[in-house]
Amino acid sequence: VQLVESGGGMVQSGGSLNLSCSASGFDFGRYGMTWVRQGPGKGHEWVAVIGHAGTVTYYSDPVEGRFTISRDNAKNTLYLQMNSLKPEDTAVYYCAKGLQGFSGTPYERQDWGQGTRVTVSL
């Protein structure tokens, strides 16, 4: 499993970023996927999940209505469009194979990418 995130950076509060995750080493189109984040001094938390076909999505309460998860199975790529960003969204964002953290499913760190850092300033 290889997952490579990109698109992070620094943005002001209210701004937007679009994260990407390029997947390889497994049959991407057969797996649900998760975006997980870890803020400074905080534990990791799932923020969005998407089913294998891209038709089913769920969001954690803090990001509902502001973030959109999507995927392009032909390109083996997962996306996270983040709008109306807040300072509390500052974190390292990871894409993860499978549905991790959602509905009590366990986190499996070995199936995460290296992460991309998002910093939101006031």
N, C-alpha and C. Protein backbone atom coordinates (compact mmCIF):
# COMPACT_ATOMS: atom_id res chain seq x y z
N VAL A 1 0.85 -1.19 0.00
CA VAL A 1 0.00 0.00 0.00
C VAL A 1 0.89 1.24 0.00
N GLN A 2 0.64 2.12 -0.98
CA GLN A 2 1.35 3.40 -1.00
C GLN A 2 0.33 4.50 -1.22
N LEU A 3 0.35 5.48 -0.33
CA LEU A 3 -0.56 6.61 -0.38
C LEU A 3 0.26 7.87 -0.24
N VAL A 4 0.12 8.79 -1.19
CA VAL A 4 0.91 10.01 -1.20
C VAL A 4 -0.02 11.21 -1.26
N GLU A 5 -0.05 11.95 -0.15
CA GLU A 5 -0.91 13.14 -0.06
C GLU A 5 -0.18 14.38 -0.57
N SER A 6 -0.95 15.33 -1.06
CA SER A 6 -0.40 16.61 -1.49
C SER A 6 -1.49 17.66 -1.39
N GLY A 7 -1.08 18.93 -1.50
CA GLY A 7 -2.04 20.00 -1.52
C GLY A 7 -2.16 20.80 -0.25
N GLY A 8 -1.45 20.38 0.80
CA GLY A 8 -1.50 21.15 2.03
C GLY A 8 -0.77 22.47 1.90
N GLY A 9 -0.87 23.28 2.95
CA GLY A 9 -0.19 24.56 2.93
C GLY A 9 -0.75 25.47 4.00
N MET A 10 -0.42 26.75 3.88
CA MET A 10 -0.88 27.75 4.83
C MET A 10 -1.97 28.60 4.17
N VAL A 11 -3.02 28.86 4.92
CA VAL A 11 -4.14 29.62 4.39
C VAL A 11 -4.76 30.43 5.52
N GLN A 12 -5.37 31.52 5.18
CA GLN A 12 -6.04 32.32 6.19
C GLN A 12 -7.42 31.74 6.51
N SER A 13 -7.92 32.07 7.68
CA SER A 13 -9.24 31.64 8.08
C SER A 13 -10.27 32.05 7.02
N GLY A 14 -11.15 31.12 6.67
CA GLY A 14 -12.14 31.37 5.63
C GLY A 14 -11.70 30.92 4.25
N GLY A 15 -10.44 30.55 4.12
CA GLY A 15 -9.90 30.14 2.84
C GLY A 15 -10.21 28.69 2.51
N SER A 16 -9.66 28.24 1.38
CA SER A 16 -9.92 26.90 0.88
C SER A 16 -8.62 26.21 0.48
N LEU A 17 -8.63 24.91 0.56
CA LEU A 17 -7.57 24.06 0.06
C LEU A 17 -8.18 22.80 -0.51
N ASN A 18 -7.49 22.21 -1.49
CA ASN A 18 -7.95 20.93 -2.05
C ASN A 18 -6.80 19.93 -1.92
N LEU A 19 -7.01 18.93 -1.10
CA LEU A 19 -6.00 17.90 -0.89
C LEU A 19 -6.21 16.76 -1.88
N SER A 20 -5.11 16.14 -2.27
CA SER A 20 -5.16 14.97 -3.14
C SER A 20 -4.38 13.84 -2.50
N CYS A 21 -4.74 12.62 -2.86
CA CYS A 21 -4.02 11.44 -2.37
C CYS A 21 -3.92 10.46 -3.53
N SER A 22 -2.70 10.19 -3.95
CA SER A 22 -2.46 9.24 -5.03
C SER A 22 -2.20 7.87 -4.43
N ALA A 23 -2.96 6.88 -4.87
CA ALA A 23 -2.90 5.54 -4.29
C ALA A 23 -2.29 4.54 -5.26
N SER A 24 -1.54 3.59 -4.72
CA SER A 24 -0.99 2.51 -5.52
C SER A 24 -0.70 1.32 -4.62
N GLY A 25 -0.50 0.17 -5.25
CA GLY A 25 -0.15 -1.03 -4.49
C GLY A 25 -1.35 -1.85 -4.02
N PHE A 26 -2.54 -1.39 -4.34
CA PHE A 26 -3.74 -2.16 -4.03
C PHE A 26 -4.84 -1.76 -5.02
N ASP A 27 -5.91 -2.53 -5.04
CA ASP A 27 -7.00 -2.27 -5.97
C ASP A 27 -7.87 -1.15 -5.41
N PHE A 28 -7.47 0.08 -5.71
CA PHE A 28 -8.08 1.28 -5.13
C PHE A 28 -9.60 1.27 -5.24
N GLY A 29 -10.12 0.92 -6.39
CA GLY A 29 -11.56 1.01 -6.63
C GLY A 29 -12.40 0.02 -5.84
N ARG A 30 -11.76 -0.88 -5.10
CA ARG A 30 -12.50 -1.87 -4.32
C ARG A 30 -12.58 -1.49 -2.85
N TYR A 31 -11.97 -0.38 -2.47
CA TYR A 31 -11.91 -0.03 -1.06
C TYR A 31 -12.54 1.32 -0.77
N GLY A 32 -13.28 1.40 0.35
CA GLY A 32 -13.60 2.70 0.88
C GLY A 32 -12.33 3.38 1.34
N MET A 33 -12.39 4.70 1.49
CA MET A 33 -11.21 5.45 1.89
C MET A 33 -11.60 6.49 2.93
N THR A 34 -10.62 6.90 3.70
CA THR A 34 -10.84 7.82 4.81
C THR A 34 -9.80 8.94 4.78
N TRP A 35 -10.21 10.13 5.14
CA TRP A 35 -9.27 11.20 5.49
C TRP A 35 -9.25 11.28 7.02
N VAL A 36 -8.05 11.25 7.56
CA VAL A 36 -7.82 11.32 9.00
C VAL A 36 -6.93 12.54 9.25
N ARG A 37 -7.12 13.22 10.35
CA ARG A 37 -6.24 14.34 10.67
C ARG A 37 -5.75 14.24 12.11
N GLN A 38 -4.61 14.87 12.35
CA GLN A 38 -4.07 14.97 13.70
C GLN A 38 -3.58 16.38 13.91
N GLY A 39 -4.27 17.09 14.80
CA GLY A 39 -3.89 18.45 15.12
C GLY A 39 -2.77 18.51 16.13
N PRO A 40 -2.14 19.66 16.30
CA PRO A 40 -1.04 19.79 17.25
C PRO A 40 -1.49 19.47 18.67
N GLY A 41 -0.85 18.53 19.30
CA GLY A 41 -1.19 18.16 20.66
C GLY A 41 -2.49 17.38 20.79
N LYS A 42 -3.02 16.92 19.69
CA LYS A 42 -4.30 16.20 19.71
C LYS A 42 -4.12 14.78 19.18
N GLY A 43 -5.09 13.95 19.46
CA GLY A 43 -5.11 12.62 18.87
C GLY A 43 -5.62 12.68 17.44
N HIS A 44 -5.55 11.56 16.75
CA HIS A 44 -6.04 11.58 15.38
C HIS A 44 -7.55 11.38 15.37
N GLU A 45 -8.19 11.91 14.34
CA GLU A 45 -9.64 11.81 14.20
C GLU A 45 -9.98 11.67 12.72
N TRP A 46 -10.98 10.85 12.45
CA TRP A 46 -11.43 10.76 11.06
C TRP A 46 -12.25 11.99 10.75
N VAL A 47 -12.16 12.48 9.53
CA VAL A 47 -12.94 13.65 9.15
C VAL A 47 -13.92 13.35 8.03
N ALA A 48 -13.60 12.39 7.14
CA ALA A 48 -14.50 12.07 6.04
C ALA A 48 -14.19 10.68 5.53
N VAL A 49 -15.23 9.98 5.12
CA VAL A 49 -15.08 8.66 4.51
C VAL A 49 -15.90 8.61 3.23
N ILE A 50 -15.50 7.74 2.34
CA ILE A 50 -16.19 7.57 1.06
C ILE A 50 -16.20 6.10 0.70
N GLY A 51 -17.34 5.63 0.18
CA GLY A 51 -17.43 4.25 -0.24
C GLY A 51 -16.60 3.98 -1.49
N HIS A 52 -16.47 2.71 -1.84
CA HIS A 52 -15.56 2.35 -2.93
C HIS A 52 -16.00 2.95 -4.27
N ALA A 53 -17.31 3.11 -4.47
CA ALA A 53 -17.81 3.65 -5.73
C ALA A 53 -17.93 5.17 -5.72
N GLY A 54 -17.76 5.77 -4.56
CA GLY A 54 -17.85 7.22 -4.45
C GLY A 54 -19.24 7.76 -4.26
N THR A 55 -20.22 6.88 -4.10
CA THR A 55 -21.60 7.33 -4.00
C THR A 55 -22.06 7.55 -2.56
N VAL A 56 -21.32 7.05 -1.61
CA VAL A 56 -21.68 7.19 -0.19
C VAL A 56 -20.56 7.91 0.54
N THR A 57 -20.91 8.95 1.26
CA THR A 57 -19.93 9.73 2.02
C THR A 57 -20.48 10.06 3.40
N TYR A 58 -19.58 10.19 4.35
CA TYR A 58 -19.94 10.62 5.70
C TYR A 58 -18.86 11.60 6.18
N TYR A 59 -19.29 12.53 7.04
CA TYR A 59 -18.39 13.54 7.56
C TYR A 59 -18.52 13.64 9.06
N SER A 60 -17.40 13.95 9.71
CA SER A 60 -17.47 14.20 11.14
C SER A 60 -18.17 15.54 11.37
N ASP A 61 -18.72 15.72 12.55
CA ASP A 61 -19.48 16.93 12.85
C ASP A 61 -18.67 18.21 12.64
N PRO A 62 -17.39 18.26 13.05
CA PRO A 62 -16.65 19.52 12.91
C PRO A 62 -16.48 20.01 11.46
N VAL A 63 -16.58 19.10 10.49
CA VAL A 63 -16.31 19.50 9.10
C VAL A 63 -17.54 19.41 8.20
N GLU A 64 -18.64 18.86 8.73
CA GLU A 64 -19.86 18.70 7.95
C GLU A 64 -20.27 20.04 7.34
N GLY A 65 -20.54 20.04 6.04
CA GLY A 65 -20.97 21.26 5.37
C GLY A 65 -19.85 22.13 4.85
N ARG A 66 -18.61 21.84 5.25
CA ARG A 66 -17.46 22.64 4.80
C ARG A 66 -16.49 21.82 3.94
N PHE A 67 -16.37 20.54 4.20
CA PHE A 67 -15.45 19.67 3.48
C PHE A 67 -16.24 18.74 2.56
N THR A 68 -15.60 18.38 1.43
CA THR A 68 -16.20 17.43 0.50
C THR A 68 -15.15 16.40 0.10
N ILE A 69 -15.47 15.14 0.34
CA ILE A 69 -14.59 14.06 -0.07
C ILE A 69 -15.06 13.51 -1.42
N SER A 70 -14.13 13.17 -2.28
CA SER A 70 -14.49 12.60 -3.57
C SER A 70 -13.34 11.72 -4.05
N ARG A 71 -13.58 10.99 -5.11
CA ARG A 71 -12.54 10.10 -5.62
C ARG A 71 -12.70 9.94 -7.12
N ASP A 72 -11.58 9.61 -7.77
CA ASP A 72 -11.56 9.29 -9.19
C ASP A 72 -10.89 7.93 -9.31
N ASN A 73 -11.68 6.89 -9.43
CA ASN A 73 -11.12 5.54 -9.45
C ASN A 73 -10.28 5.29 -10.70
N ALA A 74 -10.57 5.97 -11.79
CA ALA A 74 -9.76 5.81 -13.00
C ALA A 74 -8.34 6.36 -12.80
N LYS A 75 -8.21 7.32 -11.89
CA LYS A 75 -6.90 7.93 -11.62
C LYS A 75 -6.30 7.46 -10.30
N ASN A 76 -7.00 6.54 -9.61
CA ASN A 76 -6.53 6.06 -8.31
C ASN A 76 -6.23 7.22 -7.36
N THR A 77 -7.13 8.18 -7.32
CA THR A 77 -6.89 9.40 -6.55
C THR A 77 -8.09 9.74 -5.67
N LEU A 78 -7.79 10.12 -4.45
CA LEU A 78 -8.77 10.57 -3.47
C LEU A 78 -8.58 12.07 -3.25
N TYR A 79 -9.67 12.78 -3.01
CA TYR A 79 -9.61 14.23 -2.84
C TYR A 79 -10.32 14.65 -1.55
N LEU A 80 -9.93 15.82 -1.06
CA LEU A 80 -10.67 16.45 0.03
C LEU A 80 -10.68 17.95 -0.24
N GLN A 81 -11.83 18.46 -0.64
CA GLN A 81 -12.02 19.90 -0.83
C GLN A 81 -12.41 20.51 0.51
N MET A 82 -11.61 21.45 0.97
CA MET A 82 -11.85 22.06 2.28
C MET A 82 -12.15 23.54 2.08
N ASN A 83 -13.34 23.93 2.46
CA ASN A 83 -13.77 25.33 2.36
C ASN A 83 -14.03 25.91 3.74
N SER A 84 -14.10 27.22 3.81
CA SER A 84 -14.39 27.92 5.07
C SER A 84 -13.50 27.41 6.20
N LEU A 85 -12.24 27.33 5.92
CA LEU A 85 -11.30 26.76 6.89
C LEU A 85 -11.21 27.61 8.14
N LYS A 86 -11.02 26.94 9.26
CA LYS A 86 -10.92 27.57 10.58
C LYS A 86 -9.56 27.22 11.20
N PRO A 87 -9.09 28.02 12.13
CA PRO A 87 -7.82 27.68 12.79
C PRO A 87 -7.82 26.29 13.40
N GLU A 88 -8.97 25.84 13.89
CA GLU A 88 -9.04 24.50 14.49
C GLU A 88 -8.93 23.37 13.48
N ASP A 89 -8.92 23.71 12.19
CA ASP A 89 -8.67 22.70 11.15
C ASP A 89 -7.17 22.46 10.95
N THR A 90 -6.34 23.25 11.61
CA THR A 90 -4.89 23.07 11.50
C THR A 90 -4.51 21.67 11.96
N ALA A 91 -3.85 20.92 11.09
CA ALA A 91 -3.52 19.53 11.38
C ALA A 91 -2.68 18.96 10.24
N VAL A 92 -2.15 17.78 10.48
CA VAL A 92 -1.61 16.97 9.39
C VAL A 92 -2.75 16.06 8.92
N TYR A 93 -2.98 16.08 7.63
CA TYR A 93 -4.06 15.30 7.05
C TYR A 93 -3.48 14.09 6.34
N TYR A 94 -4.07 12.94 6.64
CA TYR A 94 -3.64 11.67 6.08
C TYR A 94 -4.79 11.03 5.31
N CYS A 95 -4.49 10.40 4.19
CA CYS A 95 -5.49 9.54 3.58
C CYS A 95 -5.19 8.11 4.03
N ALA A 96 -6.24 7.34 4.18
CA ALA A 96 -6.13 6.00 4.73
C ALA A 96 -6.94 5.02 3.92
N LYS A 97 -6.39 3.85 3.71
CA LYS A 97 -7.10 2.79 3.01
C LYS A 97 -8.16 2.20 3.92
N GLY A 98 -9.35 2.08 3.39
CA GLY A 98 -10.44 1.50 4.16
C GLY A 98 -11.18 2.56 4.96
N LEU A 99 -12.17 2.12 5.73
CA LEU A 99 -12.98 3.00 6.56
C LEU A 99 -12.40 2.95 7.96
N GLN A 100 -11.57 3.91 8.29
CA GLN A 100 -10.85 3.88 9.56
C GLN A 100 -11.41 4.94 10.50
N GLY A 101 -11.70 4.51 11.73
CA GLY A 101 -12.19 5.41 12.75
C GLY A 101 -13.70 5.62 12.68
N PHE A 102 -14.26 5.46 11.51
CA PHE A 102 -15.69 5.67 11.30
C PHE A 102 -16.49 4.54 11.93
N SER A 103 -17.52 4.93 12.71
CA SER A 103 -18.43 3.96 13.32
C SER A 103 -17.68 2.90 14.12
N GLY A 104 -16.62 3.32 14.79
CA GLY A 104 -15.90 2.42 15.68
C GLY A 104 -14.89 1.51 15.03
N THR A 105 -14.69 1.61 13.73
CA THR A 105 -13.68 0.77 13.10
C THR A 105 -12.30 1.23 13.55
N PRO A 106 -11.36 0.32 13.67
CA PRO A 106 -10.05 0.68 14.21
C PRO A 106 -9.20 1.47 13.22
N TYR A 107 -8.30 2.27 13.77
CA TYR A 107 -7.29 2.92 12.95
C TYR A 107 -6.17 1.91 12.70
N GLU A 108 -5.64 1.93 11.50
CA GLU A 108 -4.53 1.06 11.13
C GLU A 108 -3.46 1.94 10.49
N ARG A 109 -2.53 2.39 11.30
CA ARG A 109 -1.55 3.40 10.90
C ARG A 109 -0.71 2.96 9.71
N GLN A 110 -0.53 1.64 9.57
CA GLN A 110 0.31 1.15 8.47
C GLN A 110 -0.34 1.39 7.11
N ASP A 111 -1.63 1.70 7.11
CA ASP A 111 -2.33 1.95 5.85
C ASP A 111 -2.66 3.43 5.65
N TRP A 112 -1.82 4.31 6.20
CA TRP A 112 -1.93 5.74 5.98
C TRP A 112 -0.78 6.20 5.09
N GLY A 113 -0.95 7.37 4.49
CA GLY A 113 0.16 8.01 3.80
C GLY A 113 1.04 8.74 4.80
N GLN A 114 1.95 9.57 4.24
CA GLN A 114 2.89 10.29 5.10
C GLN A 114 2.29 11.59 5.62
N GLY A 115 1.18 12.01 5.04
CA GLY A 115 0.47 13.19 5.52
C GLY A 115 0.86 14.46 4.79
N THR A 116 -0.05 15.43 4.81
CA THR A 116 0.23 16.76 4.28
C THR A 116 -0.27 17.77 5.32
N ARG A 117 0.54 18.77 5.58
CA ARG A 117 0.24 19.70 6.68
C ARG A 117 -0.62 20.86 6.20
N VAL A 118 -1.65 21.14 6.98
CA VAL A 118 -2.54 22.27 6.72
C VAL A 118 -2.47 23.21 7.93
N THR A 119 -2.17 24.46 7.66
CA THR A 119 -2.12 25.46 8.72
C THR A 119 -3.07 26.60 8.37
N VAL A 120 -3.99 26.88 9.28
CA VAL A 120 -4.98 27.93 9.07
C VAL A 120 -4.74 29.03 10.09
N SER A 121 -4.47 30.22 9.61
CA SER A 121 -4.20 31.34 10.50
C SER A 121 -5.42 32.25 10.60
N LEU A 122 -5.45 33.04 11.68
CA LEU A 122 -6.57 33.95 11.87
C LEU A 122 -6.57 35.06 10.83
